[in-house]
Amino acid sequence: SKGMSVTPAILSTQACRTLINHFSADHSEH
């Protein structure tokens, strides 16, 4: 199938934030 290409690209701010939260076990910076 097809996926998104490289820069330049437009991202949803909120979607990026939830992606970060997904990888954050304790919601800390590290």
Full PDB file with SEQRES, HELIX, SHEET, SSBOND, CRYST1, ORIGX, SCALE, CONECT and MASTER records, all heavy atoms in Angstrom:
SEQRES   1 A   30  SER LYS GLY MET SER VAL THR PRO ALA ILE LEU SER THR          
SEQRES   2 A   30  GLN ALA CYS ARG THR LEU ILE ASN HIS PHE SER ALA ASP          
SEQRES   3 A   30  HIS SER GLU HIS                                              
HELIX    1 AA1 THR A   13  PHE A   23  1                                  11    
CRYST1    1.000    1.000    1.000  90.00  90.00  90.00 P 1           1          
ORIGX1      1.000000  0.000000  0.000000        0.00000                         
ORIGX2      0.000000  1.000000  0.000000        0.00000                         
ORIGX3      0.000000  0.000000  1.000000        0.00000                         
SCALE1      1.000000  0.000000  0.000000        0.00000                         
SCALE2      0.000000  1.000000  0.000000        0.00000                         
SCALE3      0.000000  0.000000  1.000000        0.00000                         
ATOM      1  N   SER A   1       0.842  -1.204   0.000  1.00  0.00           N  
ATOM      2  CA  SER A   1       0.000   0.000   0.000  1.00  0.00           C  
ATOM      3  C   SER A   1       0.873   1.248   0.000  1.00  0.00           C  
ATOM      4  O   SER A   1       2.103   1.177  -0.055  1.00  0.00           O  
ATOM      5  CB  SER A   1      -0.932  -0.013   1.210  1.00  0.00           C  
ATOM      6  OG  SER A   1      -0.182   0.010   2.416  1.00  0.00           O  
ATOM      7  N   LYS A   2       0.234   2.393   0.083  1.00  0.00           N  
ATOM      8  CA  LYS A   2       0.946   3.664   0.116  1.00  0.00           C  
ATOM      9  C   LYS A   2       0.920   4.246   1.517  1.00  0.00           C  
ATOM     10  O   LYS A   2      -0.003   4.029   2.291  1.00  0.00           O  
ATOM     11  CB  LYS A   2       0.327   4.659  -0.873  1.00  0.00           C  
ATOM     12  CG  LYS A   2       0.564   4.301  -2.331  1.00  0.00           C  
ATOM     13  CD  LYS A   2       0.047   5.396  -3.245  1.00  0.00           C  
ATOM     14  CE  LYS A   2       0.368   5.075  -4.705  1.00  0.00           C  
ATOM     15  NZ  LYS A   2      -0.105   6.159  -5.615  1.00  0.00           N  
ATOM     16  N   GLY A   3       1.980   5.003   1.828  1.00  0.00           N  
ATOM     17  CA  GLY A   3       2.059   5.727   3.090  1.00  0.00           C  
ATOM     18  C   GLY A   3       2.541   7.132   2.807  1.00  0.00           C  
ATOM     19  O   GLY A   3       2.719   7.519   1.647  1.00  0.00           O  
ATOM     20  N   MET A   4       2.790   7.899   3.860  1.00  0.00           N  
ATOM     21  CA  MET A   4       3.189   9.286   3.642  1.00  0.00           C  
ATOM     22  C   MET A   4       4.665   9.391   3.274  1.00  0.00           C  
ATOM     23  O   MET A   4       5.484   8.565   3.665  1.00  0.00           O  
ATOM     24  CB  MET A   4       2.856  10.141   4.850  1.00  0.00           C  
ATOM     25  CG  MET A   4       3.693   9.938   6.084  1.00  0.00           C  
ATOM     26  SD  MET A   4       3.120  10.974   7.462  1.00  0.00           S  
ATOM     27  CE  MET A   4       3.338  12.637   6.800  1.00  0.00           C  
ATOM     28  N   SER A   5       4.971  10.418   2.522  1.00  0.00           N  
ATOM     29  CA  SER A   5       6.325  10.651   2.036  1.00  0.00           C  
ATOM     30  C   SER A   5       7.119  11.473   3.047  1.00  0.00           C  
ATOM     31  O   SER A   5       6.690  11.700   4.173  1.00  0.00           O  
ATOM     32  CB  SER A   5       6.263  11.354   0.676  1.00  0.00           C  
ATOM     33  OG  SER A   5       7.540  11.433   0.083  1.00  0.00           O  
ATOM     34  N   VAL A   6       8.275  11.938   2.608  1.00  0.00           N  
ATOM     35  CA  VAL A   6       9.216  12.639   3.483  1.00  0.00           C  
ATOM     36  C   VAL A   6       8.955  14.146   3.476  1.00  0.00           C  
ATOM     37  O   VAL A   6       8.022  14.630   2.833  1.00  0.00           O  
ATOM     38  CB  VAL A   6      10.664  12.345   3.049  1.00  0.00           C  
ATOM     39  CG1 VAL A   6      10.991  10.878   3.248  1.00  0.00           C  
ATOM     40  CG2 VAL A   6      10.883  12.734   1.570  1.00  0.00           C  
ATOM     41  N   THR A   7       9.806  14.895   4.157  1.00  0.00           N  
ATOM     42  CA  THR A   7       9.707  16.352   4.254  1.00  0.00           C  
ATOM     43  C   THR A   7       9.747  16.991   2.861  1.00  0.00           C  
ATOM     44  O   THR A   7      10.560  16.553   2.032  1.00  0.00           O  
ATOM     45  CB  THR A   7      10.875  16.898   5.094  1.00  0.00           C  
ATOM     46  OG1 THR A   7      10.905  16.202   6.339  1.00  0.00           O  
ATOM     47  CG2 THR A   7      10.742  18.370   5.333  1.00  0.00           C  
ATOM     48  N   PRO A   8       8.916  18.004   2.613  1.00  0.00           N  
ATOM     49  CA  PRO A   8       7.989  18.685   3.509  1.00  0.00           C  
ATOM     50  C   PRO A   8       6.718  17.871   3.743  1.00  0.00           C  
ATOM     51  O   PRO A   8       6.214  17.204   2.845  1.00  0.00           O  
ATOM     52  CB  PRO A   8       7.679  19.985   2.774  1.00  0.00           C  
ATOM     53  CG  PRO A   8       7.846  19.639   1.329  1.00  0.00           C  
ATOM     54  CD  PRO A   8       8.981  18.653   1.284  1.00  0.00           C  
ATOM     55  N   ALA A   9       6.221  17.953   4.975  1.00  0.00           N  
ATOM     56  CA  ALA A   9       5.022  17.219   5.354  1.00  0.00           C  
ATOM     57  C   ALA A   9       4.246  18.031   6.374  1.00  0.00           C  
ATOM     58  O   ALA A   9       4.825  18.819   7.128  1.00  0.00           O  
ATOM     59  CB  ALA A   9       5.394  15.857   5.935  1.00  0.00           C  
ATOM     60  N   ILE A  10       2.939  17.833   6.399  1.00  0.00           N  
ATOM     61  CA  ILE A  10       2.078  18.531   7.350  1.00  0.00           C  
ATOM     62  C   ILE A  10       1.566  17.516   8.362  1.00  0.00           C  
ATOM     63  O   ILE A  10       1.029  16.467   7.982  1.00  0.00           O  
ATOM     64  CB  ILE A  10       0.899  19.219   6.649  1.00  0.00           C  
ATOM     65  CG1 ILE A  10       1.399  20.175   5.572  1.00  0.00           C  
ATOM     66  CG2 ILE A  10       0.045  19.973   7.665  1.00  0.00           C  
ATOM     67  CD1 ILE A  10       0.301  20.751   4.702  1.00  0.00           C  
ATOM     68  N   LEU A  11       1.740  17.815   9.645  1.00  0.00           N  
ATOM     69  CA  LEU A  11       1.339  16.916  10.710  1.00  0.00           C  
ATOM     70  C   LEU A  11       0.273  17.558  11.589  1.00  0.00           C  
ATOM     71  O   LEU A  11       0.254  18.780  11.777  1.00  0.00           O  
ATOM     72  CB  LEU A  11       2.541  16.545  11.582  1.00  0.00           C  
ATOM     73  CG  LEU A  11       3.763  15.940  10.879  1.00  0.00           C  
ATOM     74  CD1 LEU A  11       4.847  15.625  11.906  1.00  0.00           C  
ATOM     75  CD2 LEU A  11       3.387  14.699  10.094  1.00  0.00           C  
ATOM     76  N   SER A  12      -0.592  16.727  12.135  1.00  0.00           N  
ATOM     77  CA  SER A  12      -1.547  17.178  13.141  1.00  0.00           C  
ATOM     78  C   SER A  12      -0.823  17.309  14.477  1.00  0.00           C  
ATOM     79  O   SER A  12      -0.189  16.359  14.944  1.00  0.00           O  
ATOM     80  CB  SER A  12      -2.701  16.180  13.272  1.00  0.00           C  
ATOM     81  OG  SER A  12      -3.321  16.285  14.525  1.00  0.00           O  
ATOM     82  N   THR A  13      -0.930  18.468  15.087  1.00  0.00           N  
ATOM     83  CA  THR A  13      -0.281  18.699  16.372  1.00  0.00           C  
ATOM     84  C   THR A  13      -0.814  17.749  17.430  1.00  0.00           C  
ATOM     85  O   THR A  13      -0.045  17.135  18.187  1.00  0.00           O  
ATOM     86  CB  THR A  13      -0.500  20.159  16.812  1.00  0.00           C  
ATOM     87  OG1 THR A  13      -0.062  21.038  15.773  1.00  0.00           O  
ATOM     88  CG2 THR A  13       0.252  20.466  18.104  1.00  0.00           C  
ATOM     89  N   GLN A  14      -2.128  17.605  17.488  1.00  0.00           N  
ATOM     90  CA  GLN A  14      -2.729  16.759  18.513  1.00  0.00           C  
ATOM     91  C   GLN A  14      -2.395  15.291  18.296  1.00  0.00           C  
ATOM     92  O   GLN A  14      -2.139  14.551  19.259  1.00  0.00           O  
ATOM     93  CB  GLN A  14      -4.249  16.964  18.551  1.00  0.00           C  
ATOM     94  CG  GLN A  14      -4.974  16.202  19.639  1.00  0.00           C  
ATOM     95  CD  GLN A  14      -4.578  16.647  21.048  1.00  0.00           C  
ATOM     96  OE1 GLN A  14      -3.850  17.616  21.220  1.00  0.00           O  
ATOM     97  NE2 GLN A  14      -5.063  15.946  22.050  1.00  0.00           N  
ATOM     98  N   ALA A  15      -2.367  14.831  17.049  1.00  0.00           N  
ATOM     99  CA  ALA A  15      -2.016  13.442  16.779  1.00  0.00           C  
ATOM    100  C   ALA A  15      -0.580  13.151  17.212  1.00  0.00           C  
ATOM    101  O   ALA A  15      -0.292  12.079  17.758  1.00  0.00           O  
ATOM    102  CB  ALA A  15      -2.207  13.123  15.299  1.00  0.00           C  
ATOM    103  N   CYS A  16       0.327  14.095  16.993  1.00  0.00           N  
ATOM    104  CA  CYS A  16       1.713  13.915  17.435  1.00  0.00           C  
ATOM    105  C   CYS A  16       1.792  13.842  18.953  1.00  0.00           C  
ATOM    106  O   CYS A  16       2.545  13.032  19.512  1.00  0.00           O  
ATOM    107  CB  CYS A  16       2.585  15.060  16.933  1.00  0.00           C  
ATOM    108  SG  CYS A  16       3.002  14.975  15.184  1.00  0.00           S  
ATOM    109  N   ARG A  17       1.015  14.665  19.616  1.00  0.00           N  
ATOM    110  CA  ARG A  17       1.034  14.644  21.082  1.00  0.00           C  
ATOM    111  C   ARG A  17       0.529  13.306  21.622  1.00  0.00           C  
ATOM    112  O   ARG A  17       1.083  12.769  22.590  1.00  0.00           O  
ATOM    113  CB  ARG A  17       0.168  15.789  21.622  1.00  0.00           C  
ATOM    114  CG  ARG A  17       0.753  17.175  21.371  1.00  0.00           C  
ATOM    115  CD  ARG A  17      -0.192  18.253  21.877  1.00  0.00           C  
ATOM    116  NE  ARG A  17       0.342  19.589  21.677  1.00  0.00           N  
ATOM    117  CZ  ARG A  17      -0.302  20.706  22.030  1.00  0.00           C  
ATOM    118  NH1 ARG A  17      -1.493  20.619  22.604  1.00  0.00           N  
ATOM    119  NH2 ARG A  17       0.246  21.887  21.816  1.00  0.00           N  
ATOM    120  N   THR A  18      -0.516  12.767  21.018  1.00  0.00           N  
ATOM    121  CA  THR A  18      -1.019  11.474  21.503  1.00  0.00           C  
ATOM    122  C   THR A  18      -0.046  10.347  21.179  1.00  0.00           C  
ATOM    123  O   THR A  18       0.048   9.369  21.921  1.00  0.00           O  
ATOM    124  CB  THR A  18      -2.407  11.164  20.903  1.00  0.00           C  
ATOM    125  OG1 THR A  18      -2.323  11.083  19.471  1.00  0.00           O  
ATOM    126  CG2 THR A  18      -3.418  12.225  21.285  1.00  0.00           C  
ATOM    127  N   LEU A  19       0.698  10.489  20.079  1.00  0.00           N  
ATOM    128  CA  LEU A  19       1.733   9.506  19.752  1.00  0.00           C  
ATOM    129  C   LEU A  19       2.818   9.513  20.820  1.00  0.00           C  
ATOM    130  O   LEU A  19       3.264   8.453  21.284  1.00  0.00           O  
ATOM    131  CB  LEU A  19       2.328   9.826  18.380  1.00  0.00           C  
ATOM    132  CG  LEU A  19       3.542   8.998  17.938  1.00  0.00           C  
ATOM    133  CD1 LEU A  19       3.199   7.508  17.872  1.00  0.00           C  
ATOM    134  CD2 LEU A  19       4.047   9.492  16.583  1.00  0.00           C  
ATOM    135  N   ILE A  20       3.246  10.702  21.234  1.00  0.00           N  
ATOM    136  CA  ILE A  20       4.233  10.809  22.312  1.00  0.00           C  
ATOM    137  C   ILE A  20       3.695  10.152  23.581  1.00  0.00           C  
ATOM    138  O   ILE A  20       4.401   9.390  24.262  1.00  0.00           O  
ATOM    139  CB  ILE A  20       4.586  12.285  22.570  1.00  0.00           C  
ATOM    140  CG1 ILE A  20       5.443  12.843  21.429  1.00  0.00           C  
ATOM    141  CG2 ILE A  20       5.328  12.443  23.900  1.00  0.00           C  
ATOM    142  CD1 ILE A  20       5.702  14.332  21.531  1.00  0.00           C  
ATOM    143  N   ASN A  21       2.447  10.434  23.913  1.00  0.00           N  
ATOM    144  CA  ASN A  21       1.850   9.859  25.124  1.00  0.00           C  
ATOM    145  C   ASN A  21       1.803   8.340  25.064  1.00  0.00           C  
ATOM    146  O   ASN A  21       1.955   7.659  26.081  1.00  0.00           O  
ATOM    147  CB  ASN A  21       0.447  10.419  25.340  1.00  0.00           C  
ATOM    148  CG  ASN A  21       0.465  11.871  25.778  1.00  0.00           C  
ATOM    149  OD1 ASN A  21       1.467  12.367  26.271  1.00  0.00           O  
ATOM    150  ND2 ASN A  21      -0.648  12.550  25.580  1.00  0.00           N  
ATOM    151  N   HIS A  22       1.618   7.803  23.866  1.00  0.00           N  
ATOM    152  CA  HIS A  22       1.575   6.353  23.706  1.00  0.00           C  
ATOM    153  C   HIS A  22       2.892   5.719  24.141  1.00  0.00           C  
ATOM    154  O   HIS A  22       2.899   4.623  24.728  1.00  0.00           O  
ATOM    155  CB  HIS A  22       1.284   6.006  22.249  1.00  0.00           C  
ATOM    156  CG  HIS A  22       1.441   4.551  21.930  1.00  0.00           C  
ATOM    157  ND1 HIS A  22       0.525   3.595  22.310  1.00  0.00           N  
ATOM    158  CD2 HIS A  22       2.432   3.878  21.271  1.00  0.00           C  
ATOM    159  CE1 HIS A  22       0.927   2.405  21.906  1.00  0.00           C  
ATOM    160  NE2 HIS A  22       2.086   2.542  21.271  1.00  0.00           N  
ATOM    161  N   PHE A  23       3.999   6.384  23.841  1.00  0.00           N  
ATOM    162  CA  PHE A  23       5.313   5.838  24.183  1.00  0.00           C  
ATOM    163  C   PHE A  23       5.786   6.256  25.573  1.00  0.00           C  
ATOM    164  O   PHE A  23       6.877   5.882  25.986  1.00  0.00           O  
ATOM    165  CB  PHE A  23       6.349   6.277  23.147  1.00  0.00           C  
ATOM    166  CG  PHE A  23       6.241   5.551  21.837  1.00  0.00           C  
ATOM    167  CD1 PHE A  23       5.772   6.200  20.704  1.00  0.00           C  
ATOM    168  CD2 PHE A  23       6.591   4.212  21.743  1.00  0.00           C  
ATOM    169  CE1 PHE A  23       5.667   5.532  19.499  1.00  0.00           C  
ATOM    170  CE2 PHE A  23       6.478   3.524  20.542  1.00  0.00           C  
ATOM    171  CZ  PHE A  23       6.009   4.191  19.412  1.00  0.00           C  
ATOM    172  N   SER A  24       4.994   7.034  26.259  1.00  0.00           N  
ATOM    173  CA  SER A  24       5.392   7.542  27.566  1.00  0.00           C  
ATOM    174  C   SER A  24       4.706   6.756  28.672  1.00  0.00           C  
ATOM    175  O   SER A  24       3.542   6.983  28.991  1.00  0.00           O  
ATOM    176  CB  SER A  24       5.028   9.026  27.677  1.00  0.00           C  
ATOM    177  OG  SER A  24       5.417   9.543  28.914  1.00  0.00           O  
ATOM    178  N   ALA A  25       5.449   5.851  29.282  1.00  0.00           N  
ATOM    179  CA  ALA A  25       4.869   4.990  30.321  1.00  0.00           C  
ATOM    180  C   ALA A  25       4.400   5.778  31.518  1.00  0.00           C  
ATOM    181  O   ALA A  25       3.363   5.490  32.116  1.00  0.00           O  
ATOM    182  CB  ALA A  25       5.886   3.932  30.740  1.00  0.00           C  
ATOM    183  N   ASP A  26       5.167   6.792  31.908  1.00  0.00           N  
ATOM    184  CA  ASP A  26       4.813   7.562  33.103  1.00  0.00           C  
ATOM    185  C   ASP A  26       4.578   9.038  32.791  1.00  0.00           C  
ATOM    186  O   ASP A  26       4.542   9.870  33.685  1.00  0.00           O  
ATOM    187  CB  ASP A  26       5.903   7.439  34.161  1.00  0.00           C  
ATOM    188  CG  ASP A  26       7.269   7.911  33.643  1.00  0.00           C  
ATOM    189  OD1 ASP A  26       7.327   8.436  32.509  1.00  0.00           O  
ATOM    190  OD2 ASP A  26       8.260   7.760  34.361  1.00  0.00           O  
ATOM    191  N   HIS A  27       4.416   9.353  31.475  1.00  0.00           N  
ATOM    192  CA  HIS A  27       4.159  10.722  31.028  1.00  0.00           C  
ATOM    193  C   HIS A  27       5.282  11.692  31.393  1.00  0.00           C  
ATOM    194  O   HIS A  27       5.077  12.897  31.490  1.00  0.00           O  
ATOM    195  CB  HIS A  27       2.822  11.241  31.579  1.00  0.00           C  
ATOM    196  CG  HIS A  27       1.654  10.409  31.163  1.00  0.00           C  
ATOM    197  ND1 HIS A  27       1.145  10.439  29.880  1.00  0.00           N  
ATOM    198  CD2 HIS A  27       0.925   9.499  31.845  1.00  0.00           C  
ATOM    199  CE1 HIS A  27       0.133   9.592  29.786  1.00  0.00           C  
ATOM    200  NE2 HIS A  27      -0.014   8.996  30.962  1.00  0.00           N  
ATOM    201  N   SER A  28       6.473  11.162  31.584  1.00  0.00           N  
ATOM    202  CA  SER A  28       7.609  12.029  31.887  1.00  0.00           C  
ATOM    203  C   SER A  28       8.314  12.427  30.597  1.00  0.00           C  
ATOM    204  O   SER A  28       8.102  11.833  29.538  1.00  0.00           O  
ATOM    205  CB  SER A  28       8.601  11.307  32.794  1.00  0.00           C  
ATOM    206  OG  SER A  28       9.277  10.282  32.087  1.00  0.00           O  
ATOM    207  N   GLU A  29       9.159  13.417  30.703  1.00  0.00           N  
ATOM    208  CA  GLU A  29       9.901  13.909  29.548  1.00  0.00           C  
ATOM    209  C   GLU A  29      10.814  12.833  28.967  1.00  0.00           C  
ATOM    210  O   GLU A  29      11.002  12.746  27.761  1.00  0.00           O  
ATOM    211  CB  GLU A  29      10.736  15.128  29.951  1.00  0.00           C  
ATOM    212  CG  GLU A  29      11.684  15.636  28.876  1.00  0.00           C  
ATOM    213  CD  GLU A  29      10.963  16.107  27.624  1.00  0.00           C  
ATOM    214  OE1 GLU A  29       9.948  16.799  27.753  1.00  0.00           O  
ATOM    215  OE2 GLU A  29      11.425  15.762  26.512  1.00  0.00           O  
ATOM    216  N   HIS A  30      11.365  11.995  29.839  1.00  0.00           N  
ATOM    217  CA  HIS A  30      12.386  11.052  29.381  1.00  0.00           C  
ATOM    218  C   HIS A  30      11.826   9.720  28.902  1.00  0.00           C  
ATOM    219  O   HIS A  30      12.438   9.073  28.048  1.00  0.00           O  
ATOM    220  CB  HIS A  30      13.396  10.797  30.519  1.00  0.00           C  
ATOM    221  CG  HIS A  30      14.265  11.968  30.811  1.00  0.00           C  
ATOM    222  ND1 HIS A  30      15.449  12.210  30.153  1.00  0.00           N  
ATOM    223  CD2 HIS A  30      14.125  12.992  31.686  1.00  0.00           C  
ATOM    224  CE1 HIS A  30      16.000  13.324  30.613  1.00  0.00           C  
ATOM    225  NE2 HIS A  30      15.216  13.810  31.544  1.00  0.00           N  
TER     226      HIS A  30                                                      
MASTER        0    0    0    1    0    0    0    6  225    1    0    3          
END                                                                             
